[in-house]
Amino acid sequence: MLSVFLLRHGETPYNADGNRYCGRTDASLTSKGVKQAVKVYHQLKDEKFDAVYSSPLRRACFTAQIATGSQQVQTDERITEVYFGNWEGKTKEEFIDEDKSLWDAWIHDPGNTKAGGTGETGMEIIERVNAFFNEMLQKHANETIVVVGHNGINRLYMAYKLGMELKNYRRIFQENAAITFFELDDTGEITLKKLNA
């Protein structure tokens, strides 16, 4: 079994500015985002964890360092944010105005639709994130890890593991720097124990 504290990074200027799709853009944290990560540190300070993993993007790495009080953060490309293609840097309202049919295609079938027309499909995202957690299940059997990722990848992965239709992934909401806790059993089955704690 593997126990996972799964975080979304703290607030960025993109989140603060109408929730622009940051994607692979390497934004840092706002002062509010730093405070959010400090709050998580106080929530986690009495927890025992065996390793800390993060997306390589600054907003996730910095959140991981603050939230765990550790400089020993291991980064992994497989848990970097969705590549949103032509949607990156834009709000949902802006890119829907440009091409509503593309957004409709993503909403109805994210598994097979390229985000932003030129980005990743939902199944490409799930394959890489699932591969990461399967490796963690083997590497950290019967241990607890902290993983700091992103809104897009975290929600798609959880929807997939919970057996939801991928088109419903947006029904899972993960707040900036909030704690989600789940366990994976030896077969990879998930038990979601906390969301936005």
N, C-alpha and C. Protein backbone atom coordinates (compact mmCIF):
# COMPACT_ATOMS: atom_id res chain seq x y z
N MET A 1 0.83 -1.19 0.00
CA MET A 1 0.00 0.00 0.00
C MET A 1 0.87 1.25 0.00
N LEU A 2 0.35 2.30 -0.61
CA LEU A 2 1.03 3.59 -0.65
C LEU A 2 0.08 4.66 -0.14
N SER A 3 0.54 5.51 0.77
CA SER A 3 -0.24 6.64 1.26
C SER A 3 0.31 7.92 0.66
N VAL A 4 -0.60 8.77 0.16
CA VAL A 4 -0.17 9.96 -0.58
C VAL A 4 -0.89 11.21 -0.07
N PHE A 5 -0.09 12.21 0.34
CA PHE A 5 -0.60 13.56 0.52
C PHE A 5 -0.41 14.26 -0.82
N LEU A 6 -1.51 14.53 -1.50
CA LEU A 6 -1.46 15.15 -2.83
C LEU A 6 -1.87 16.61 -2.73
N LEU A 7 -0.97 17.50 -3.15
CA LEU A 7 -1.25 18.93 -3.11
C LEU A 7 -1.30 19.51 -4.51
N ARG A 8 -2.07 20.56 -4.64
CA ARG A 8 -1.95 21.46 -5.77
C ARG A 8 -1.05 22.59 -5.27
N HIS A 9 -0.24 23.17 -6.14
CA HIS A 9 0.63 24.27 -5.76
C HIS A 9 -0.18 25.46 -5.22
N GLY A 10 0.51 26.39 -4.55
CA GLY A 10 -0.13 27.62 -4.08
C GLY A 10 -0.48 28.56 -5.23
N GLU A 11 -1.17 29.62 -4.88
CA GLU A 11 -1.64 30.57 -5.90
C GLU A 11 -0.50 31.19 -6.69
N THR A 12 -0.74 31.36 -7.99
CA THR A 12 0.19 32.04 -8.89
C THR A 12 -0.47 33.30 -9.43
N PRO A 13 0.29 34.18 -10.09
CA PRO A 13 -0.35 35.34 -10.74
C PRO A 13 -1.40 34.92 -11.76
N TYR A 14 -1.22 33.77 -12.39
CA TYR A 14 -2.20 33.28 -13.37
C TYR A 14 -3.52 32.92 -12.68
N ASN A 15 -3.44 32.28 -11.51
CA ASN A 15 -4.66 31.97 -10.76
C ASN A 15 -5.36 33.25 -10.33
N ALA A 16 -4.58 34.22 -9.90
CA ALA A 16 -5.14 35.47 -9.39
C ALA A 16 -5.75 36.33 -10.49
N ASP A 17 -5.29 36.15 -11.73
CA ASP A 17 -5.75 36.98 -12.85
C ASP A 17 -6.81 36.24 -13.67
N GLY A 18 -7.97 36.06 -13.08
CA GLY A 18 -9.06 35.43 -13.81
C GLY A 18 -8.86 33.96 -14.09
N ASN A 19 -8.00 33.32 -13.30
CA ASN A 19 -7.70 31.89 -13.45
C ASN A 19 -7.24 31.55 -14.87
N ARG A 20 -6.22 32.28 -15.34
CA ARG A 20 -5.63 31.99 -16.64
C ARG A 20 -5.00 30.61 -16.64
N TYR A 21 -5.05 29.94 -17.78
CA TYR A 21 -4.47 28.61 -17.90
C TYR A 21 -2.96 28.73 -18.00
N CYS A 22 -2.29 28.35 -16.93
CA CYS A 22 -0.84 28.52 -16.85
C CYS A 22 -0.11 27.40 -17.59
N GLY A 23 -0.60 26.17 -17.42
CA GLY A 23 0.01 25.04 -18.12
C GLY A 23 1.49 24.90 -17.85
N ARG A 24 2.29 24.86 -18.91
CA ARG A 24 3.74 24.67 -18.78
C ARG A 24 4.49 25.97 -18.54
N THR A 25 3.78 27.10 -18.55
CA THR A 25 4.43 28.37 -18.23
C THR A 25 4.97 28.30 -16.81
N ASP A 26 6.21 28.68 -16.61
CA ASP A 26 6.87 28.48 -15.31
C ASP A 26 6.66 29.66 -14.37
N ALA A 27 5.41 29.84 -13.96
CA ALA A 27 5.07 30.94 -13.05
C ALA A 27 5.48 30.59 -11.62
N SER A 28 5.73 31.64 -10.84
CA SER A 28 6.07 31.44 -9.44
C SER A 28 4.82 31.68 -8.58
N LEU A 29 4.99 31.70 -7.28
CA LEU A 29 3.88 31.91 -6.36
C LEU A 29 3.67 33.39 -6.07
N THR A 30 2.44 33.77 -5.80
CA THR A 30 2.15 35.10 -5.28
C THR A 30 2.44 35.07 -3.77
N SER A 31 2.38 36.23 -3.13
CA SER A 31 2.57 36.26 -1.67
C SER A 31 1.47 35.44 -0.99
N LYS A 32 0.27 35.48 -1.55
CA LYS A 32 -0.82 34.65 -1.02
C LYS A 32 -0.49 33.16 -1.18
N GLY A 33 0.11 32.80 -2.31
CA GLY A 33 0.49 31.41 -2.56
C GLY A 33 1.52 30.93 -1.55
N VAL A 34 2.46 31.80 -1.19
CA VAL A 34 3.46 31.44 -0.18
C VAL A 34 2.78 31.22 1.17
N LYS A 35 1.85 32.11 1.52
CA LYS A 35 1.12 31.95 2.79
C LYS A 35 0.31 30.66 2.81
N GLN A 36 -0.27 30.30 1.66
CA GLN A 36 -1.02 29.05 1.58
C GLN A 36 -0.11 27.85 1.85
N ALA A 37 1.09 27.89 1.28
CA ALA A 37 2.04 26.80 1.49
C ALA A 37 2.50 26.73 2.94
N VAL A 38 2.67 27.88 3.57
CA VAL A 38 3.04 27.92 5.00
C VAL A 38 1.93 27.30 5.85
N LYS A 39 0.71 27.58 5.49
CA LYS A 39 -0.43 26.98 6.22
C LYS A 39 -0.38 25.46 6.13
N VAL A 40 -0.06 24.94 4.94
CA VAL A 40 0.05 23.48 4.79
C VAL A 40 1.20 22.93 5.64
N TYR A 41 2.28 23.69 5.72
CA TYR A 41 3.40 23.25 6.57
C TYR A 41 2.91 23.00 7.99
N HIS A 42 2.09 23.90 8.51
CA HIS A 42 1.58 23.73 9.88
C HIS A 42 0.62 22.54 9.97
N GLN A 43 -0.08 22.24 8.88
CA GLN A 43 -0.97 21.08 8.87
C GLN A 43 -0.18 19.77 8.82
N LEU A 44 0.97 19.79 8.14
CA LEU A 44 1.73 18.56 7.93
C LEU A 44 2.87 18.34 8.93
N LYS A 45 3.17 19.34 9.75
CA LYS A 45 4.41 19.28 10.54
C LYS A 45 4.48 18.09 11.49
N ASP A 46 3.34 17.53 11.89
CA ASP A 46 3.37 16.37 12.78
C ASP A 46 3.17 15.05 12.04
N GLU A 47 3.06 15.14 10.71
CA GLU A 47 2.90 13.93 9.91
C GLU A 47 4.27 13.35 9.54
N LYS A 48 4.32 12.04 9.44
CA LYS A 48 5.55 11.39 9.00
C LYS A 48 5.41 11.05 7.53
N PHE A 49 6.36 11.49 6.72
CA PHE A 49 6.38 11.09 5.31
C PHE A 49 7.79 10.70 4.92
N ASP A 50 7.88 9.83 3.96
CA ASP A 50 9.16 9.21 3.60
C ASP A 50 9.86 9.86 2.42
N ALA A 51 9.13 10.61 1.61
CA ALA A 51 9.73 11.27 0.45
C ALA A 51 8.79 12.37 -0.02
N VAL A 52 9.38 13.34 -0.73
CA VAL A 52 8.62 14.46 -1.28
C VAL A 52 8.90 14.54 -2.77
N TYR A 53 7.84 14.56 -3.57
CA TYR A 53 7.96 14.66 -5.03
C TYR A 53 7.19 15.88 -5.52
N SER A 54 7.67 16.43 -6.61
CA SER A 54 7.04 17.62 -7.17
C SER A 54 7.19 17.64 -8.68
N SER A 55 6.24 18.31 -9.30
CA SER A 55 6.42 18.74 -10.68
C SER A 55 7.68 19.60 -10.74
N PRO A 56 8.39 19.63 -11.87
CA PRO A 56 9.59 20.47 -11.97
C PRO A 56 9.29 21.96 -12.08
N LEU A 57 8.03 22.35 -12.27
CA LEU A 57 7.71 23.77 -12.40
C LEU A 57 7.86 24.48 -11.06
N ARG A 58 8.35 25.73 -11.10
CA ARG A 58 8.70 26.46 -9.88
C ARG A 58 7.57 26.54 -8.87
N ARG A 59 6.36 26.78 -9.35
CA ARG A 59 5.25 26.95 -8.42
C ARG A 59 5.00 25.70 -7.58
N ALA A 60 5.24 24.54 -8.17
CA ALA A 60 5.06 23.29 -7.44
C ALA A 60 6.26 23.00 -6.54
N CYS A 61 7.47 23.19 -7.06
CA CYS A 61 8.69 22.93 -6.26
C CYS A 61 8.72 23.81 -5.01
N PHE A 62 8.42 25.09 -5.20
CA PHE A 62 8.47 26.02 -4.08
C PHE A 62 7.40 25.66 -3.05
N THR A 63 6.22 25.31 -3.52
CA THR A 63 5.16 24.87 -2.60
C THR A 63 5.61 23.64 -1.83
N ALA A 64 6.23 22.69 -2.52
CA ALA A 64 6.69 21.46 -1.86
C ALA A 64 7.73 21.75 -0.79
N GLN A 65 8.68 22.63 -1.10
CA GLN A 65 9.71 22.96 -0.13
C GLN A 65 9.13 23.63 1.12
N ILE A 66 8.24 24.59 0.90
CA ILE A 66 7.64 25.30 2.04
C ILE A 66 6.72 24.37 2.83
N ALA A 67 5.86 23.65 2.14
CA ALA A 67 4.83 22.85 2.81
C ALA A 67 5.41 21.70 3.62
N THR A 68 6.58 21.20 3.21
CA THR A 68 7.18 20.07 3.92
C THR A 68 8.39 20.48 4.76
N GLY A 69 8.86 21.71 4.58
CA GLY A 69 10.06 22.15 5.29
C GLY A 69 11.29 21.41 4.82
N SER A 70 11.25 20.91 3.59
CA SER A 70 12.33 20.07 3.08
C SER A 70 12.93 20.64 1.80
N GLN A 71 14.24 20.61 1.73
CA GLN A 71 14.92 20.95 0.48
C GLN A 71 15.15 19.70 -0.37
N GLN A 72 14.80 18.54 0.19
CA GLN A 72 15.01 17.26 -0.51
C GLN A 72 13.78 16.90 -1.35
N VAL A 73 13.44 17.77 -2.27
CA VAL A 73 12.29 17.56 -3.14
C VAL A 73 12.78 16.93 -4.45
N GLN A 74 12.21 15.80 -4.79
CA GLN A 74 12.56 15.13 -6.04
C GLN A 74 11.54 15.52 -7.11
N THR A 75 12.02 15.99 -8.25
CA THR A 75 11.10 16.41 -9.31
C THR A 75 10.94 15.29 -10.34
N ASP A 76 9.77 15.29 -10.97
CA ASP A 76 9.47 14.27 -11.97
C ASP A 76 8.61 14.89 -13.06
N GLU A 77 9.07 14.80 -14.30
CA GLU A 77 8.37 15.39 -15.44
C GLU A 77 6.97 14.83 -15.62
N ARG A 78 6.75 13.61 -15.17
CA ARG A 78 5.45 12.97 -15.39
C ARG A 78 4.32 13.65 -14.62
N ILE A 79 4.67 14.43 -13.60
CA ILE A 79 3.63 15.12 -12.84
C ILE A 79 3.64 16.63 -13.08
N THR A 80 4.21 17.03 -14.21
CA THR A 80 4.12 18.43 -14.60
C THR A 80 2.70 18.70 -15.12
N GLU A 81 2.32 19.96 -15.19
CA GLU A 81 0.95 20.31 -15.56
C GLU A 81 0.65 19.94 -17.02
N VAL A 82 -0.62 19.88 -17.30
CA VAL A 82 -1.11 19.65 -18.66
C VAL A 82 -0.49 20.68 -19.61
N TYR A 83 -0.10 20.22 -20.79
CA TYR A 83 0.27 21.17 -21.83
C TYR A 83 -1.03 21.56 -22.53
N PHE A 84 -1.45 22.81 -22.32
CA PHE A 84 -2.74 23.28 -22.81
C PHE A 84 -2.70 23.86 -24.22
N GLY A 85 -1.57 23.77 -24.89
CA GLY A 85 -1.50 24.23 -26.27
C GLY A 85 -1.89 25.70 -26.41
N ASN A 86 -2.79 25.98 -27.33
CA ASN A 86 -3.18 27.37 -27.61
C ASN A 86 -3.99 28.03 -26.51
N TRP A 87 -4.36 27.27 -25.48
CA TRP A 87 -5.09 27.86 -24.36
C TRP A 87 -4.17 28.46 -23.31
N GLU A 88 -2.89 28.17 -23.37
CA GLU A 88 -1.98 28.64 -22.32
C GLU A 88 -1.93 30.17 -22.30
N GLY A 89 -1.99 30.72 -21.09
CA GLY A 89 -1.93 32.17 -20.90
C GLY A 89 -3.27 32.86 -21.09
N LYS A 90 -4.33 32.10 -21.39
CA LYS A 90 -5.64 32.70 -21.63
C LYS A 90 -6.64 32.21 -20.59
N THR A 91 -7.68 33.02 -20.36
CA THR A 91 -8.77 32.56 -19.52
C THR A 91 -9.71 31.71 -20.36
N LYS A 92 -10.53 30.93 -19.68
CA LYS A 92 -11.50 30.09 -20.39
C LYS A 92 -12.40 30.94 -21.28
N GLU A 93 -12.83 32.10 -20.77
CA GLU A 93 -13.70 32.98 -21.55
C GLU A 93 -13.02 33.46 -22.83
N GLU A 94 -11.73 33.74 -22.73
CA GLU A 94 -10.98 34.23 -23.90
C GLU A 94 -10.88 33.15 -24.98
N PHE A 95 -10.51 31.94 -24.59
CA PHE A 95 -10.32 30.94 -25.64
C PHE A 95 -11.63 30.34 -26.13
N ILE A 96 -12.67 30.41 -25.33
CA ILE A 96 -13.99 29.99 -25.83
C ILE A 96 -14.47 30.96 -26.90
N ASP A 97 -14.21 32.25 -26.69
CA ASP A 97 -14.56 33.26 -27.70
C ASP A 97 -13.84 32.98 -29.02
N GLU A 98 -12.61 32.49 -28.93
CA GLU A 98 -11.82 32.21 -30.13
C GLU A 98 -12.30 30.96 -30.88
N ASP A 99 -12.68 29.91 -30.12
CA ASP A 99 -13.09 28.66 -30.76
C ASP A 99 -13.89 27.82 -29.77
N LYS A 100 -15.18 28.08 -29.73
CA LYS A 100 -16.05 27.37 -28.78
C LYS A 100 -16.12 25.88 -29.08
N SER A 101 -16.03 25.50 -30.36
CA SER A 101 -16.14 24.09 -30.73
C SER A 101 -15.00 23.26 -30.12
N LEU A 102 -13.83 23.85 -30.00
CA LEU A 102 -12.69 23.13 -29.42
C LEU A 102 -12.93 22.88 -27.93
N TRP A 103 -13.44 23.90 -27.24
CA TRP A 103 -13.75 23.72 -25.81
C TRP A 103 -14.85 22.67 -25.64
N ASP A 104 -15.88 22.72 -26.49
CA ASP A 104 -16.96 21.73 -26.42
C ASP A 104 -16.42 20.32 -26.62
N ALA A 105 -15.48 20.17 -27.56
CA ALA A 105 -14.89 18.85 -27.82
C ALA A 105 -14.12 18.36 -26.59
N TRP A 106 -13.36 19.26 -25.96
CA TRP A 106 -12.61 18.91 -24.75
C TRP A 106 -13.54 18.51 -23.61
N ILE A 107 -14.59 19.29 -23.40
CA ILE A 107 -15.52 19.02 -22.31
C ILE A 107 -16.24 17.69 -22.50
N HIS A 108 -16.61 17.36 -23.74
CA HIS A 108 -17.34 16.13 -23.99
C HIS A 108 -16.44 14.90 -24.10
N ASP A 109 -15.19 15.08 -24.50
CA ASP A 109 -14.29 13.93 -24.64
C ASP A 109 -12.83 14.36 -24.42
N PRO A 110 -12.50 14.72 -23.18
CA PRO A 110 -11.11 15.15 -22.92
C PRO A 110 -10.10 14.03 -23.12
N GLY A 111 -10.55 12.80 -22.99
CA GLY A 111 -9.62 11.68 -23.16
C GLY A 111 -8.97 11.64 -24.53
N ASN A 112 -9.72 12.06 -25.56
CA ASN A 112 -9.22 11.95 -26.93
C ASN A 112 -9.07 13.29 -27.64
N THR A 113 -9.31 14.38 -26.93
CA THR A 113 -9.21 15.72 -27.52
C THR A 113 -7.93 16.39 -27.04
N LYS A 114 -7.21 17.02 -27.94
CA LYS A 114 -5.99 17.74 -27.56
C LYS A 114 -6.38 19.07 -26.92
N ALA A 115 -5.93 19.30 -25.70
CA ALA A 115 -6.21 20.57 -25.01
C ALA A 115 -5.66 21.72 -25.84
N GLY A 116 -6.48 22.73 -26.06
CA GLY A 116 -6.04 23.87 -26.84
C GLY A 116 -5.75 23.56 -28.29
N GLY A 117 -6.16 22.39 -28.76
CA GLY A 117 -5.94 22.00 -30.15
C GLY A 117 -4.57 21.46 -30.46
N THR A 118 -3.57 21.88 -29.69
CA THR A 118 -2.18 21.46 -29.96
C THR A 118 -1.49 20.87 -28.73
N GLY A 119 -2.26 20.72 -27.63
CA GLY A 119 -1.68 20.21 -26.39
C GLY A 119 -1.85 18.71 -26.24
N GLU A 120 -1.95 18.27 -24.99
CA GLU A 120 -2.08 16.85 -24.69
C GLU A 120 -3.54 16.42 -24.63
N THR A 121 -3.78 15.15 -24.89
CA THR A 121 -5.10 14.58 -24.63
C THR A 121 -5.17 14.13 -23.17
N GLY A 122 -6.40 13.98 -22.69
CA GLY A 122 -6.57 13.52 -21.32
C GLY A 122 -5.93 12.16 -21.08
N MET A 123 -6.01 11.26 -22.05
CA MET A 123 -5.42 9.93 -21.86
C MET A 123 -3.90 9.98 -21.86
N GLU A 124 -3.30 10.87 -22.63
CA GLU A 124 -1.84 11.03 -22.58
C GLU A 124 -1.41 11.50 -21.19
N ILE A 125 -2.20 12.40 -20.63
CA ILE A 125 -1.90 12.92 -19.28
C ILE A 125 -2.03 11.80 -18.26
N ILE A 126 -3.14 11.09 -18.32
CA ILE A 126 -3.39 10.00 -17.36
C ILE A 126 -2.31 8.93 -17.45
N GLU A 127 -1.88 8.60 -18.64
CA GLU A 127 -0.86 7.56 -18.81
C GLU A 127 0.43 7.93 -18.09
N ARG A 128 0.86 9.20 -18.22
CA ARG A 128 2.12 9.56 -17.57
C ARG A 128 1.97 9.69 -16.05
N VAL A 129 0.84 10.25 -15.59
CA VAL A 129 0.63 10.40 -14.15
C VAL A 129 0.43 9.04 -13.50
N ASN A 130 -0.33 8.18 -14.15
CA ASN A 130 -0.55 6.83 -13.62
C ASN A 130 0.76 6.05 -13.55
N ALA A 131 1.62 6.22 -14.57
CA ALA A 131 2.93 5.55 -14.55
C ALA A 131 3.76 6.03 -13.36
N PHE A 132 3.69 7.32 -13.05
CA PHE A 132 4.40 7.86 -11.90
C PHE A 132 3.92 7.19 -10.61
N PHE A 133 2.60 7.17 -10.40
CA PHE A 133 2.08 6.61 -9.15
C PHE A 133 2.28 5.10 -9.07
N ASN A 134 2.23 4.41 -10.20
CA ASN A 134 2.54 2.97 -10.17
C ASN A 134 3.97 2.72 -9.74
N GLU A 135 4.89 3.58 -10.21
CA GLU A 135 6.28 3.46 -9.78
C GLU A 135 6.42 3.76 -8.30
N MET A 136 5.72 4.78 -7.83
CA MET A 136 5.78 5.13 -6.41
C MET A 136 5.24 4.00 -5.54
N LEU A 137 4.19 3.32 -6.03
CA LEU A 137 3.61 2.20 -5.29
C LEU A 137 4.64 1.10 -5.07
N GLN A 138 5.50 0.87 -6.06
CA GLN A 138 6.55 -0.13 -5.93
C GLN A 138 7.73 0.39 -5.09
N LYS A 139 8.11 1.61 -5.35
CA LYS A 139 9.30 2.20 -4.71
C LYS A 139 9.07 2.51 -3.24
N HIS A 140 7.85 2.89 -2.91
CA HIS A 140 7.54 3.32 -1.53
C HIS A 140 6.43 2.47 -0.92
N ALA A 141 6.51 1.16 -1.13
CA ALA A 141 5.50 0.26 -0.57
C ALA A 141 5.42 0.43 0.95
N ASN A 142 4.20 0.58 1.46
CA ASN A 142 3.94 0.75 2.90
C ASN A 142 4.56 2.02 3.47
N GLU A 143 4.74 3.02 2.61
CA GLU A 143 5.27 4.31 3.05
C GLU A 143 4.28 5.41 2.70
N THR A 144 4.63 6.61 3.15
CA THR A 144 3.81 7.80 2.90
C THR A 144 4.65 8.83 2.17
N ILE A 145 4.11 9.38 1.10
CA ILE A 145 4.84 10.41 0.35
C ILE A 145 3.97 11.65 0.19
N VAL A 146 4.64 12.77 -0.07
CA VAL A 146 3.97 14.02 -0.42
C VAL A 146 4.22 14.25 -1.91
N VAL A 147 3.18 14.57 -2.65
CA VAL A 147 3.29 14.85 -4.08
C VAL A 147 2.64 16.20 -4.35
N VAL A 148 3.40 17.12 -4.93
CA VAL A 148 2.86 18.44 -5.27
C VAL A 148 2.76 18.55 -6.78
N GLY A 149 1.52 18.63 -7.24
CA GLY A 149 1.26 18.70 -8.67
C GLY A 149 0.41 19.91 -9.02
N HIS A 150 -0.53 19.69 -9.92
CA HIS A 150 -1.30 20.78 -10.51
C HIS A 150 -2.77 20.42 -10.63
N ASN A 151 -3.59 21.41 -10.78
CA ASN A 151 -5.03 21.22 -10.83
C ASN A 151 -5.46 20.26 -11.95
N GLY A 152 -4.95 20.48 -13.15
CA GLY A 152 -5.35 19.65 -14.28
C GLY A 152 -4.99 18.19 -14.12
N ILE A 153 -3.72 17.92 -13.86
CA ILE A 153 -3.28 16.52 -13.76
C ILE A 153 -3.89 15.82 -12.56
N ASN A 154 -3.98 16.52 -11.43
CA ASN A 154 -4.51 15.89 -10.22
C ASN A 154 -5.96 15.48 -10.41
N ARG A 155 -6.76 16.36 -11.00
CA ARG A 155 -8.18 16.06 -11.18
C ARG A 155 -8.40 14.95 -12.21
N LEU A 156 -7.67 14.99 -13.30
CA LEU A 156 -7.82 13.94 -14.30
C LEU A 156 -7.42 12.58 -13.73
N TYR A 157 -6.32 12.54 -12.99
CA TYR A 157 -5.87 11.28 -12.39
C TYR A 157 -6.89 10.74 -11.40
N MET A 158 -7.38 11.61 -10.51
CA MET A 158 -8.35 11.14 -9.52
C MET A 158 -9.64 10.68 -10.18
N ALA A 159 -10.12 11.41 -11.18
CA ALA A 159 -11.34 10.99 -11.88
C ALA A 159 -11.15 9.60 -12.49
N TYR A 160 -10.01 9.39 -13.13
CA TYR A 160 -9.70 8.11 -13.74
C TYR A 160 -9.65 6.99 -12.69
N LYS A 161 -8.94 7.23 -11.60
CA LYS A 161 -8.79 6.19 -10.58
C LYS A 161 -10.10 5.91 -9.85
N LEU A 162 -10.97 6.90 -9.76
CA LEU A 162 -12.26 6.71 -9.09
C LEU A 162 -13.31 6.11 -10.02
N GLY A 163 -12.93 5.86 -11.27
CA GLY A 163 -13.84 5.23 -12.21
C GLY A 163 -14.86 6.17 -12.83
N MET A 164 -14.61 7.47 -12.74
CA MET A 164 -15.51 8.45 -13.33
C MET A 164 -15.29 8.54 -14.83
N GLU A 165 -16.32 8.94 -15.57
CA GLU A 165 -16.11 9.30 -16.96
C GLU A 165 -15.22 10.53 -16.98
N LEU A 166 -14.23 10.55 -17.84
CA LEU A 166 -13.27 11.66 -17.84
C LEU A 166 -13.93 13.01 -18.08
N LYS A 167 -15.05 13.02 -18.81
CA LYS A 167 -15.71 14.30 -19.07
C LYS A 167 -16.22 14.94 -17.78
N ASN A 168 -16.24 14.19 -16.69
CA ASN A 168 -16.69 14.72 -15.40
C ASN A 168 -15.55 15.14 -14.49
N TYR A 169 -14.32 15.15 -15.00
CA TYR A 169 -13.18 15.43 -14.13
C TYR A 169 -13.26 16.81 -13.48
N ARG A 170 -13.92 17.77 -14.14
CA ARG A 170 -14.01 19.11 -13.60
C ARG A 170 -14.95 19.21 -12.39
N ARG A 171 -15.66 18.12 -12.11
CA ARG A 171 -16.51 18.08 -10.92
C ARG A 171 -15.69 17.88 -9.65
N ILE A 172 -14.44 17.50 -9.82
CA ILE A 172 -13.52 17.44 -8.69
C ILE A 172 -12.83 18.80 -8.62
N PHE A 173 -12.91 19.45 -7.48
CA PHE A 173 -12.28 20.76 -7.32
C PHE A 173 -11.16 20.64 -6.30
N GLN A 174 -9.97 21.07 -6.69
CA GLN A 174 -8.84 21.06 -5.76
C GLN A 174 -8.35 22.49 -5.57
N GLU A 175 -8.42 22.95 -4.35
CA GLU A 175 -8.01 24.32 -4.04
C GLU A 175 -6.49 24.44 -4.06
N ASN A 176 -6.01 25.66 -4.27
CA ASN A 176 -4.57 25.92 -4.20
C ASN A 176 -4.05 25.53 -2.83
N ALA A 177 -2.96 24.76 -2.81
CA ALA A 177 -2.25 24.37 -1.59
C ALA A 177 -3.17 23.75 -0.54
N ALA A 178 -4.16 22.99 -1.00
CA ALA A 178 -5.01 22.24 -0.07
C ALA A 178 -4.59 20.77 -0.11
N ILE A 179 -4.78 20.08 1.00
CA ILE A 179 -4.33 18.69 1.12
C ILE A 179 -5.43 17.73 0.68
N THR A 180 -5.07 16.86 -0.23
CA THR A 180 -5.88 15.70 -0.57
C THR A 180 -5.08 14.48 -0.11
N PHE A 181 -5.77 13.51 0.49
CA PHE A 181 -5.07 12.33 0.98
C PHE A 181 -5.75 11.09 0.43
N PHE A 182 -4.94 10.20 -0.18
CA PHE A 182 -5.49 8.93 -0.65
C PHE A 182 -4.50 7.81 -0.44
N GLU A 183 -5.02 6.60 -0.54
CA GLU A 183 -4.19 5.41 -0.46
C GLU A 183 -4.36 4.59 -1.73
N LEU A 184 -3.30 3.97 -2.18
CA LEU A 184 -3.33 3.00 -3.26
C LEU A 184 -3.00 1.64 -2.67
N ASP A 185 -3.88 0.65 -2.88
CA ASP A 185 -3.55 -0.68 -2.38
C ASP A 185 -2.58 -1.37 -3.34
N ASP A 186 -2.24 -2.60 -3.03
CA ASP A 186 -1.20 -3.29 -3.81
C ASP A 186 -1.58 -3.52 -5.26
N THR A 187 -2.88 -3.45 -5.56
CA THR A 187 -3.32 -3.63 -6.95
C THR A 187 -3.52 -2.28 -7.65
N GLY A 188 -3.28 -1.18 -6.92
CA GLY A 188 -3.45 0.15 -7.51
C GLY A 188 -4.83 0.75 -7.32
N GLU A 189 -5.71 0.06 -6.57
CA GLU A 189 -7.04 0.61 -6.30
C GLU A 189 -6.91 1.79 -5.33
N ILE A 190 -7.66 2.85 -5.60
CA ILE A 190 -7.56 4.06 -4.78
C ILE A 190 -8.66 4.13 -3.73
N THR A 191 -8.32 4.65 -2.57
CA THR A 191 -9.29 5.03 -1.57
C THR A 191 -9.03 6.50 -1.25
N LEU A 192 -9.97 7.37 -1.62
CA LEU A 192 -9.84 8.80 -1.37
C LEU A 192 -10.35 9.09 0.02
N LYS A 193 -9.47 9.59 0.89
CA LYS A 193 -9.83 9.78 2.29
C LYS A 193 -10.08 11.24 2.67
N LYS A 194 -9.40 12.16 1.97
CA LYS A 194 -9.60 13.58 2.25
C LYS A 194 -9.48 14.35 0.94
N LEU A 195 -10.30 15.39 0.81
CA LEU A 195 -10.21 16.28 -0.35
C LEU A 195 -10.31 17.72 0.15
N ASN A 196 -9.29 18.52 -0.15
CA ASN A 196 -9.23 19.93 0.27
C ASN A 196 -9.27 20.09 1.78
N ALA A 197 -8.47 19.29 2.49
CA ALA A 197 -8.40 19.40 3.94
C ALA A 197 -7.60 20.63 4.34
